């Protein structure tokens, strides 16, 4: 599996974990372990997104970093990349 796909897969895994932890914390808001896990996966997800953006370009329009050009449209859309 190439690096681009691996990073996208990791981001999806962290998204899933965060959603599940979100649902858990909705019913267990004082669970310190759940809160710690949420923070851990949030940081891991952000690191993967940052790595992906630096190597392959933005995943989301708000990650456009060029003030002179809308680089969001330069490469294939994230779902078109293989």
Protein backbone atom coordinates (compact mmCIF):
# COMPACT_ATOMS: atom_id res chain seq x y z
CA UNK A 1 0.00 0.00 0.00
CA UNK A 2 1.42 3.40 -0.91
CA UNK A 3 1.97 6.16 1.63
CA UNK A 4 -0.99 8.26 0.45
CA UNK A 5 -3.44 5.40 0.89
CA UNK A 6 -1.91 4.44 4.22
CA UNK A 7 -2.37 7.96 5.59
CA UNK A 8 -5.95 8.16 4.30
CA UNK A 9 -6.72 4.79 5.93
CA UNK A 10 -5.25 5.97 9.24
CA UNK A 11 -7.30 9.18 9.11
CA UNK A 12 -10.47 7.13 8.53
CA UNK A 13 -9.57 4.81 11.42
CA UNK A 14 -9.05 7.77 13.75
CA UNK A 15 -12.33 9.34 12.54
CA UNK A 16 -14.13 6.10 13.44
CA UNK A 17 -12.49 5.90 16.87
CA UNK A 18 -13.33 9.55 17.59
CA UNK A 19 -16.96 9.09 16.57
CA UNK A 20 -17.32 6.03 18.80
CA UNK A 21 -15.64 7.80 21.71
CA UNK A 22 -17.90 10.80 21.11
CA UNK A 23 -20.96 8.58 21.46
CA UNK A 24 -19.53 6.93 24.59
CA UNK A 25 -18.67 10.25 26.20
CA UNK A 26 -22.18 11.54 25.50
CA UNK A 27 -23.39 9.00 28.07
CA UNK A 28 -20.25 8.88 30.27
CA UNK A 29 -19.08 12.53 30.35
CA UNK A 30 -16.87 12.08 33.43
CA UNK A 31 -14.95 9.03 32.27
CA UNK A 32 -11.31 10.08 32.47
CA UNK A 33 -10.11 7.11 30.46
CA UNK A 34 -12.58 7.90 27.66
CA UNK A 35 -11.57 11.56 27.68
CA UNK A 36 -7.87 10.62 27.54
CA UNK A 37 -8.49 8.27 24.64
CA UNK A 38 -10.44 10.96 22.80
CA UNK A 39 -7.56 13.42 23.19
CA UNK A 40 -5.03 10.78 22.10
CA UNK A 41 -6.90 9.88 18.89
CA UNK A 42 -7.65 13.53 18.15
CA UNK A 43 -3.91 14.30 18.25
CA UNK A 44 -3.04 11.24 16.15
CA UNK A 45 -5.64 12.22 13.56
CA UNK A 46 -4.36 15.79 13.40
CA UNK A 47 -0.79 14.53 12.92
CA UNK A 48 -1.87 12.30 10.03
CA UNK A 49 -3.83 15.14 8.43
CA UNK A 50 -0.84 17.43 8.78
CA UNK A 51 1.49 14.80 7.28
CA UNK A 52 -0.93 14.16 4.42
CA UNK A 53 -1.36 17.87 3.66
CA UNK A 54 2.38 18.49 3.59
CA UNK A 55 3.05 15.56 1.26
CA UNK A 56 -0.01 15.38 -0.96
CA UNK A 57 -1.95 18.63 -0.65
CA UNK A 58 -5.13 19.62 1.15
CA UNK A 59 -7.82 17.14 2.14
CA UNK A 60 -10.33 19.90 2.81
CA UNK A 61 -10.76 23.33 1.19
CA UNK A 62 -9.94 25.16 4.42
CA UNK A 63 -6.45 23.64 4.27
CA UNK A 64 -5.56 25.80 1.28
CA UNK A 65 -2.25 27.38 2.31
CA UNK A 66 -1.47 29.50 -0.73
CA UNK A 67 -2.71 33.09 -0.54
CA UNK A 68 -2.08 33.62 -4.28
CA UNK A 69 -3.62 30.43 -5.69
CA UNK A 70 -6.51 28.12 -4.78
CA UNK A 71 -4.40 24.92 -4.56
CA UNK A 72 -7.39 22.81 -3.52
CA UNK A 73 -8.12 22.11 -7.21
CA UNK A 74 -4.56 21.34 -8.39
CA UNK A 75 -4.54 17.59 -7.78
CA UNK A 76 -7.21 14.93 -8.14
CA UNK A 77 -9.87 15.12 -5.46
CA UNK A 78 -9.01 13.03 -2.36
CA UNK A 79 -11.59 10.38 -3.29
CA UNK A 80 -10.18 10.11 -6.82
CA UNK A 81 -6.64 9.36 -5.66
CA UNK A 82 -5.47 5.82 -5.83
